[in-house]
Amino acid sequence: MERYDDCEQVLGRDEFMGSICRMSPGFYMGDKSDYMLRLEFDEPPLWDFFLKDNLIIHFQPVF
């Protein structure tokens, strides 16, 4: 996340909100991940992390 070149996100200083949900088949990454973790900061983007077996299998900024 901190090495993503297309946007700047300062880590470690801002407050943020996080949520986690169980994935369902038929939704984006639902067949490849068990959970989605979303981090929401004061400024865009949001960050979605897709997890399977305690590994991050995909992450992306959401504008």
PDB file of N, CA and C in Angstrom:
ATOM      1  N   MET A   1       0.825  -1.196   0.000  1.00  0.00           N
ATOM      2  CA  MET A   1       0.000   0.000   0.000  1.00  0.00           C
ATOM      3  C   MET A   1       0.862   1.251   0.000  1.00  0.00           C
ATOM      4  N   GLU A   2       1.893   1.275   0.820  1.00  0.00           N
ATOM      5  CA  GLU A   2       2.725   2.475   0.875  1.00  0.00           C
ATOM      6  C   GLU A   2       3.614   2.616  -0.356  1.00  0.00           C
ATOM      7  N   ARG A   3       3.784   1.557  -1.134  1.00  0.00           N
ATOM      8  CA  ARG A   3       4.611   1.621  -2.339  1.00  0.00           C
ATOM      9  C   ARG A   3       3.789   1.832  -3.608  1.00  0.00           C
ATOM     10  N   TYR A   4       2.479   1.969  -3.474  1.00  0.00           N
ATOM     11  CA  TYR A   4       1.624   2.194  -4.640  1.00  0.00           C
ATOM     12  C   TYR A   4       1.906   3.583  -5.193  1.00  0.00           C
ATOM     13  N   ASP A   5       2.304   3.683  -6.456  1.00  0.00           N
ATOM     14  CA  ASP A   5       2.796   4.930  -7.029  1.00  0.00           C
ATOM     15  C   ASP A   5       1.719   5.900  -7.506  1.00  0.00           C
ATOM     16  N   ASP A   6       0.500   5.426  -7.752  1.00  0.00           N
ATOM     17  CA  ASP A   6      -0.511   6.282  -8.365  1.00  0.00           C
ATOM     18  C   ASP A   6      -1.211   7.229  -7.396  1.00  0.00           C
ATOM     19  N   CYS A   7      -1.012   7.079  -6.106  1.00  0.00           N
ATOM     20  CA  CYS A   7      -1.621   7.993  -5.142  1.00  0.00           C
ATOM     21  C   CYS A   7      -0.775   8.010  -3.874  1.00  0.00           C
ATOM     22  N   GLU A   8      -0.892   9.086  -3.137  1.00  0.00           N
ATOM     23  CA  GLU A   8      -0.092   9.242  -1.927  1.00  0.00           C
ATOM     24  C   GLU A   8      -0.979   9.063  -0.711  1.00  0.00           C
ATOM     25  N   GLN A   9      -0.561   8.231   0.217  1.00  0.00           N
ATOM     26  CA  GLN A   9      -1.282   8.035   1.469  1.00  0.00           C
ATOM     27  C   GLN A   9      -0.273   8.064   2.599  1.00  0.00           C
ATOM     28  N   VAL A  10      -0.405   9.017   3.498  1.00  0.00           N
ATOM     29  CA  VAL A  10       0.493   9.117   4.644  1.00  0.00           C
ATOM     30  C   VAL A  10       0.012   8.126   5.694  1.00  0.00           C
ATOM     31  N   LEU A  11       0.878   7.229   6.088  1.00  0.00           N
ATOM     32  CA  LEU A  11       0.511   6.205   7.063  1.00  0.00           C
ATOM     33  C   LEU A  11       1.092   6.546   8.421  1.00  0.00           C
ATOM     34  N   GLY A  12       0.381   6.158   9.469  1.00  0.00           N
ATOM     35  CA  GLY A  12       0.903   6.293  10.813  1.00  0.00           C
ATOM     36  C   GLY A  12       0.484   7.542  11.552  1.00  0.00           C
ATOM     37  N   ARG A  13      -0.147   8.504  10.887  1.00  0.00           N
ATOM     38  CA  ARG A  13      -0.518   9.738  11.567  1.00  0.00           C
ATOM     39  C   ARG A  13      -2.023   9.994  11.563  1.00  0.00           C
ATOM     40  N   ASP A  14      -2.698   9.569  10.528  1.00  0.00           N
ATOM     41  CA  ASP A  14      -4.116   9.886  10.375  1.00  0.00           C
ATOM     42  C   ASP A  14      -4.992   8.881  11.111  1.00  0.00           C
ATOM     43  N   GLU A  15      -6.175   9.339  11.484  1.00  0.00           N
ATOM     44  CA  GLU A  15      -7.190   8.418  11.973  1.00  0.00           C
ATOM     45  C   GLU A  15      -7.858   7.782  10.769  1.00  0.00           C
ATOM     46  N   PHE A  16      -8.343   6.566  10.951  1.00  0.00           N
ATOM     47  CA  PHE A  16      -9.030   5.899   9.863  1.00  0.00           C
ATOM     48  C   PHE A  16     -10.065   4.949  10.433  1.00  0.00           C
ATOM     49  N   MET A  17     -10.967   4.517   9.565  1.00  0.00           N
ATOM     50  CA  MET A  17     -11.984   3.555   9.932  1.00  0.00           C
ATOM     51  C   MET A  17     -11.720   2.277   9.155  1.00  0.00           C
ATOM     52  N   GLY A  18     -11.923   1.153   9.770  1.00  0.00           N
ATOM     53  CA  GLY A  18     -11.727  -0.127   9.105  1.00  0.00           C
ATOM     54  C   GLY A  18     -12.954  -1.004   9.250  1.00  0.00           C
ATOM     55  N   SER A  19     -13.181  -1.835   8.267  1.00  0.00           N
ATOM     56  CA  SER A  19     -14.259  -2.815   8.346  1.00  0.00           C
ATOM     57  C   SER A  19     -13.790  -4.094   7.675  1.00  0.00           C
ATOM     58  N   ILE A  20     -14.374  -5.197   8.096  1.00  0.00           N
ATOM     59  CA  ILE A  20     -14.036  -6.485   7.505  1.00  0.00           C
ATOM     60  C   ILE A  20     -15.327  -7.242   7.264  1.00  0.00           C
ATOM     61  N   CYS A  21     -15.393  -7.925   6.129  1.00  0.00           N
ATOM     62  CA  CYS A  21     -16.595  -8.707   5.829  1.00  0.00           C
ATOM     63  C   CYS A  21     -16.193 -10.028   5.186  1.00  0.00           C
ATOM     64  N   ARG A  22     -17.050 -10.993   5.356  1.00  0.00           N
ATOM     65  CA  ARG A  22     -16.850 -12.303   4.747  1.00  0.00           C
ATOM     66  C   ARG A  22     -17.280 -12.213   3.285  1.00  0.00           C
ATOM     67  N   MET A  23     -16.503 -12.811   2.397  1.00  0.00           N
ATOM     68  CA  MET A  23     -16.798 -12.753   0.970  1.00  0.00           C
ATOM     69  C   MET A  23     -17.850 -13.783   0.592  1.00  0.00           C
ATOM     70  N   SER A  24     -18.603 -13.471  -0.465  1.00  0.00           N
ATOM     71  CA  SER A  24     -19.640 -14.355  -0.986  1.00  0.00           C
ATOM     72  C   SER A  24     -19.362 -14.660  -2.450  1.00  0.00           C
ATOM     73  N   PRO A  25     -19.629 -15.894  -2.884  1.00  0.00           N
ATOM     74  CA  PRO A  25     -19.468 -16.216  -4.303  1.00  0.00           C
ATOM     75  C   PRO A  25     -20.350 -15.295  -5.156  1.00  0.00           C
ATOM     76  N   GLY A  26     -19.857 -14.960  -6.326  1.00  0.00           N
ATOM     77  CA  GLY A  26     -20.613 -14.102  -7.226  1.00  0.00           C
ATOM     78  C   GLY A  26     -20.260 -12.629  -7.119  1.00  0.00           C
ATOM     79  N   PHE A  27     -19.503 -12.255  -6.098  1.00  0.00           N
ATOM     80  CA  PHE A  27     -19.042 -10.873  -5.941  1.00  0.00           C
ATOM     81  C   PHE A  27     -17.571 -10.796  -6.340  1.00  0.00           C
ATOM     82  N   TYR A  28     -17.098  -9.572  -6.602  1.00  0.00           N
ATOM     83  CA  TYR A  28     -15.710  -9.364  -7.006  1.00  0.00           C
ATOM     84  C   TYR A  28     -14.767 -10.018  -6.002  1.00  0.00           C
ATOM     85  N   MET A  29     -13.892 -10.868  -6.462  1.00  0.00           N
ATOM     86  CA  MET A  29     -12.893 -11.610  -5.673  1.00  0.00           C
ATOM     87  C   MET A  29     -13.537 -12.609  -4.711  1.00  0.00           C
ATOM     88  N   GLY A  30     -14.830 -12.832  -4.811  1.00  0.00           N
ATOM     89  CA  GLY A  30     -15.519 -13.753  -3.914  1.00  0.00           C
ATOM     90  C   GLY A  30     -15.104 -15.199  -4.070  1.00  0.00           C
ATOM     91  N   ASP A  31     -14.652 -15.571  -5.268  1.00  0.00           N
ATOM     92  CA  ASP A  31     -14.220 -16.947  -5.484  1.00  0.00           C
ATOM     93  C   ASP A  31     -12.751 -17.153  -5.148  1.00  0.00           C
ATOM     94  N   LYS A  32     -12.019 -16.067  -4.847  1.00  0.00           N
ATOM     95  CA  LYS A  32     -10.582 -16.165  -4.574  1.00  0.00           C
ATOM     96  C   LYS A  32     -10.196 -15.765  -3.155  1.00  0.00           C
ATOM     97  N   SER A  33     -11.122 -15.177  -2.407  1.00  0.00           N
ATOM     98  CA  SER A  33     -10.784 -14.696  -1.065  1.00  0.00           C
ATOM     99  C   SER A  33     -11.869 -15.083  -0.068  1.00  0.00           C
ATOM    100  N   ASP A  34     -11.486 -15.090   1.191  1.00  0.00           N
ATOM    101  CA  ASP A  34     -12.423 -15.399   2.275  1.00  0.00           C
ATOM    102  C   ASP A  34     -12.981 -14.125   2.919  1.00  0.00           C
ATOM    103  N   TYR A  35     -12.157 -13.094   3.012  1.00  0.00           N
ATOM    104  CA  TYR A  35     -12.527 -11.855   3.687  1.00  0.00           C
ATOM    105  C   TYR A  35     -12.030 -10.647   2.905  1.00  0.00           C
ATOM    106  N   MET A  36     -12.718  -9.525   3.090  1.00  0.00           N
ATOM    107  CA  MET A  36     -12.251  -8.246   2.569  1.00  0.00           C
ATOM    108  C   MET A  36     -12.087  -7.289   3.737  1.00  0.00           C
ATOM    109  N   LEU A  37     -10.925  -6.680   3.819  1.00  0.00           N
ATOM    110  CA  LEU A  37     -10.643  -5.651   4.809  1.00  0.00           C
ATOM    111  C   LEU A  37     -10.626  -4.312   4.087  1.00  0.00           C
ATOM    112  N   ARG A  38     -11.402  -3.343   4.558  1.00  0.00           N
ATOM    113  CA  ARG A  38     -11.434  -2.005   3.958  1.00  0.00           C
ATOM    114  C   ARG A  38     -10.914  -0.997   4.973  1.00  0.00           C
ATOM    115  N   LEU A  39      -9.966  -0.170   4.542  1.00  0.00           N
ATOM    116  CA  LEU A  39      -9.454   0.939   5.339  1.00  0.00           C
ATOM    117  C   LEU A  39      -9.902   2.231   4.689  1.00  0.00           C
ATOM    118  N   GLU A  40     -10.535   3.104   5.474  1.00  0.00           N
ATOM    119  CA  GLU A  40     -11.057   4.366   4.966  1.00  0.00           C
ATOM    120  C   GLU A  40     -10.387   5.517   5.704  1.00  0.00           C
ATOM    121  N   PHE A  41      -9.684   6.363   4.967  1.00  0.00           N
ATOM    122  CA  PHE A  41      -8.979   7.512   5.519  1.00  0.00           C
ATOM    123  C   PHE A  41      -9.780   8.785   5.253  1.00  0.00           C
ATOM    124  N   ASP A  42      -9.348   9.905   5.843  1.00  0.00           N
ATOM    125  CA  ASP A  42     -10.028  11.180   5.635  1.00  0.00           C
ATOM    126  C   ASP A  42     -10.037  11.595   4.167  1.00  0.00           C
ATOM    127  N   GLU A  43      -8.956  11.307   3.474  1.00  0.00           N
ATOM    128  CA  GLU A  43      -8.830  11.654   2.050  1.00  0.00           C
ATOM    129  C   GLU A  43      -8.879  10.377   1.217  1.00  0.00           C
ATOM    130  N   PRO A  44      -9.465  10.448   0.022  1.00  0.00           N
ATOM    131  CA  PRO A  44      -9.441   9.266  -0.851  1.00  0.00           C
ATOM    132  C   PRO A  44      -8.010   8.902  -1.197  1.00  0.00           C
ATOM    133  N   PRO A  45      -7.737   7.687  -1.496  1.00  0.00           N
ATOM    134  CA  PRO A  45      -8.658   6.593  -1.756  1.00  0.00           C
ATOM    135  C   PRO A  45      -8.951   5.762  -0.511  1.00  0.00           C
ATOM    136  N   LEU A  46      -9.993   4.941  -0.610  1.00  0.00           N
ATOM    137  CA  LEU A  46     -10.197   3.829   0.319  1.00  0.00           C
ATOM    138  C   LEU A  46      -9.245   2.727  -0.127  1.00  0.00           C
ATOM    139  N   TRP A  47      -8.966   1.789   0.741  1.00  0.00           N
ATOM    140  CA  TRP A  47      -8.112   0.657   0.373  1.00  0.00           C
ATOM    141  C   TRP A  47      -8.845  -0.635   0.711  1.00  0.00           C
ATOM    142  N   ASP A  48      -8.967  -1.514  -0.272  1.00  0.00           N
ATOM    143  CA  ASP A  48      -9.568  -2.829  -0.084  1.00  0.00           C
ATOM    144  C   ASP A  48      -8.475  -3.891  -0.154  1.00  0.00           C
ATOM    145  N   PHE A  49      -8.454  -4.765   0.850  1.00  0.00           N
ATOM    146  CA  PHE A  49      -7.518  -5.877   0.912  1.00  0.00           C
ATOM    147  C   PHE A  49      -8.337  -7.164   0.916  1.00  0.00           C
ATOM    148  N   PHE A  50      -7.984  -8.090   0.048  1.00  0.00           N
ATOM    149  CA  PHE A  50      -8.682  -9.370  -0.046  1.00  0.00           C
ATOM    150  C   PHE A  50      -7.778 -10.442   0.539  1.00  0.00           C
ATOM    151  N   LEU A  51      -8.309 -11.188   1.493  1.00  0.00           N
ATOM    152  CA  LEU A  51      -7.519 -12.130   2.296  1.00  0.00           C
ATOM    153  C   LEU A  51      -8.008 -13.559   2.105  1.00  0.00           C
ATOM    154  N   LYS A  52      -7.066 -14.478   2.043  1.00  0.00           N
ATOM    155  CA  LYS A  52      -7.379 -15.908   2.022  1.00  0.00           C
ATOM    156  C   LYS A  52      -6.296 -16.623   2.809  1.00  0.00           C
ATOM    157  N   ASP A  53      -6.711 -17.435   3.749  1.00  0.00           N
ATOM    158  CA  ASP A  53      -5.769 -18.199   4.575  1.00  0.00           C
ATOM    159  C   ASP A  53      -4.699 -17.294   5.195  1.00  0.00           C
ATOM    160  N   ASN A  54      -5.130 -16.154   5.731  1.00  0.00           N
ATOM    161  CA  ASN A  54      -4.244 -15.194   6.404  1.00  0.00           C
ATOM    162  C   ASN A  54      -3.209 -14.549   5.484  1.00  0.00           C
ATOM    163  N   LEU A  55      -3.424 -14.577   4.181  1.00  0.00           N
ATOM    164  CA  LEU A  55      -2.539 -13.931   3.218  1.00  0.00           C
ATOM    165  C   LEU A  55      -3.306 -12.877   2.440  1.00  0.00           C
ATOM    166  N   ILE A  56      -2.653 -11.779   2.123  1.00  0.00           N
ATOM    167  CA  ILE A  56      -3.245 -10.779   1.241  1.00  0.00           C
ATOM    168  C   ILE A  56      -3.054 -11.293  -0.179  1.00  0.00           C
ATOM    169  N   ILE A  57      -4.166 -11.568  -0.876  1.00  0.00           N
ATOM    170  CA  ILE A  57      -4.045 -12.073  -2.235  1.00  0.00           C
ATOM    171  C   ILE A  57      -4.238 -10.968  -3.275  1.00  0.00           C
ATOM    172  N   HIS A  58      -4.841  -9.871  -2.859  1.00  0.00           N
ATOM    173  CA  HIS A  58      -5.034  -8.730  -3.762  1.00  0.00           C
ATOM    174  C   HIS A  58      -5.352  -7.518  -2.906  1.00  0.00           C
ATOM    175  N   PHE A  59      -4.888  -6.345  -3.331  1.00  0.00           N
ATOM    176  CA  PHE A  59      -5.310  -5.099  -2.702  1.00  0.00           C
ATOM    177  C   PHE A  59      -5.402  -4.029  -3.757  1.00  0.00           C
ATOM    178  N   GLN A  60      -6.233  -3.026  -3.500  1.00  0.00           N
ATOM    179  CA  GLN A  60      -6.429  -1.974  -4.493  1.00  0.00           C
ATOM    180  C   GLN A  60      -6.950  -0.712  -3.839  1.00  0.00           C
ATOM    181  N   PRO A  61      -6.577   0.435  -4.396  1.00  0.00           N
ATOM    182  CA  PRO A  61      -7.194   1.689  -3.970  1.00  0.00           C
ATOM    183  C   PRO A  61      -8.567   1.806  -4.642  1.00  0.00           C
ATOM    184  N   VAL A  62      -9.494   2.421  -3.933  1.00  0.00           N
ATOM    185  CA  VAL A  62     -10.845   2.632  -4.461  1.00  0.00           C
ATOM    186  C   VAL A  62     -11.124   4.136  -4.390  1.00  0.00           C
ATOM    187  N   PHE A  63     -11.330   4.760  -5.540  1.00  0.00           N
ATOM    188  CA  PHE A  63     -11.551   6.200  -5.595  1.00  0.00           C
ATOM    189  C   PHE A  63     -13.015   6.535  -5.685  1.00  0.00           C
TER     190      PHE A  63
END
